[in-house]
Amino acid sequence: MEPSQSAATVESPSDIVAHIDQKAVRLSALLRDIDNHPIAMNADLRERLDEILEMLGCRVAATRALLRQSAMSDLNGAGSSA
């Protein structure tokens, strides 16, 4: 997947997490709508959608973990320089 922002624009880690969370919510709502209004769907397509949701969930979890790790490093660095 290619970045949608230019290389000159640097987003904060919390902005990145918020963006990923927003996409996860949209995808979850779409899949919930599909579940609530069943349509004839190829089983392979359904499996692929489930895989995408799982990958997105893993990405959100990993990004949040990195954000927490970065915040902890910042706090530890600030505490040691005082």
Protein backbone atom coordinates (compact mmCIF):
# COMPACT_ATOMS: atom_id res chain seq x y z
CA MET A 1 0.00 0.00 0.00
CA GLU A 2 1.44 3.37 -0.98
CA PRO A 3 1.42 6.36 1.35
CA SER A 4 -1.25 8.93 0.53
CA GLN A 5 0.75 11.81 2.01
CA SER A 6 3.81 13.41 0.46
CA ALA A 7 7.19 12.54 1.93
CA ALA A 8 7.53 16.14 3.17
CA THR A 9 4.54 15.75 5.51
CA VAL A 10 5.45 14.07 8.78
CA GLU A 11 2.57 12.90 10.95
CA SER A 12 2.89 12.30 14.66
CA PRO A 13 2.56 8.71 15.84
CA SER A 14 -0.74 9.53 17.56
CA ASP A 15 -2.10 10.97 14.28
CA ILE A 16 -1.11 7.76 12.50
CA VAL A 17 -2.85 5.62 15.14
CA ALA A 18 -5.97 7.78 14.92
CA HIS A 19 -5.99 7.44 11.12
CA ILE A 20 -5.64 3.66 11.30
CA ASP A 21 -8.34 3.45 13.98
CA GLN A 22 -10.68 5.48 11.78
CA LYS A 23 -10.15 3.09 8.86
CA ALA A 24 -10.67 0.09 11.14
CA VAL A 25 -13.99 1.51 12.35
CA ARG A 26 -15.12 2.11 8.76
CA LEU A 27 -14.18 -1.40 7.68
CA SER A 28 -15.85 -2.91 10.74
CA ALA A 29 -19.05 -0.97 10.01
CA LEU A 30 -18.99 -2.15 6.40
CA LEU A 31 -18.59 -5.79 7.41
CA ARG A 32 -21.31 -5.43 10.05
CA ASP A 33 -23.63 -4.01 7.37
CA ILE A 34 -22.83 -6.96 5.13
CA ASP A 35 -23.64 -9.33 8.01
CA ASN A 36 -26.92 -7.52 8.74
CA HIS A 37 -27.99 -7.49 5.08
CA PRO A 38 -26.72 -10.77 3.68
CA ILE A 39 -25.90 -10.83 0.01
CA ALA A 40 -24.72 -13.64 -2.16
CA MET A 41 -20.96 -13.52 -1.77
CA ASN A 42 -18.24 -15.81 -2.92
CA ALA A 43 -16.77 -17.67 0.07
CA ASP A 44 -13.27 -16.69 -1.06
CA LEU A 45 -14.24 -13.01 -0.99
CA ARG A 46 -15.69 -13.38 2.52
CA GLU A 47 -12.47 -15.06 3.69
CA ARG A 48 -10.40 -12.30 2.10
CA LEU A 49 -12.44 -9.61 3.85
CA ASP A 50 -11.95 -11.42 7.17
CA GLU A 51 -8.19 -11.61 6.51
CA ILE A 52 -8.06 -7.89 5.74
CA LEU A 53 -9.89 -7.06 8.97
CA GLU A 54 -7.51 -9.28 10.93
CA MET A 55 -4.46 -7.67 9.30
CA LEU A 56 -5.84 -4.23 10.07
CA GLY A 57 -6.43 -5.24 13.68
CA CYS A 58 -2.84 -6.46 13.93
CA ARG A 59 -1.59 -3.22 12.43
CA VAL A 60 -3.62 -1.15 14.90
CA ALA A 61 -2.33 -3.22 17.83
CA ALA A 62 1.28 -3.01 16.65
CA THR A 63 1.07 0.73 16.02
CA ARG A 64 -0.44 1.32 19.45
CA ALA A 65 2.32 -0.75 21.06
CA LEU A 66 4.99 1.28 19.25
CA LEU A 67 3.27 4.49 20.30
CA ARG A 68 3.22 3.37 23.96
CA GLN A 69 6.88 2.32 23.72
CA SER A 70 7.80 5.70 22.25
CA ALA A 71 5.87 7.52 24.98
CA MET A 72 7.59 5.46 27.67
CA SER A 73 11.01 6.18 26.15
CA ASP A 74 10.17 9.89 26.09
CA LEU A 75 9.12 9.78 29.74
CA ASN A 76 12.23 7.85 30.76
CA GLY A 77 14.44 10.23 28.80
CA ALA A 78 12.77 13.28 30.38
CA GLY A 79 13.14 11.78 33.85
CA SER A 80 16.84 11.03 33.45
CA SER A 81 17.68 14.50 32.13
CA ALA A 82 16.08 16.26 35.13
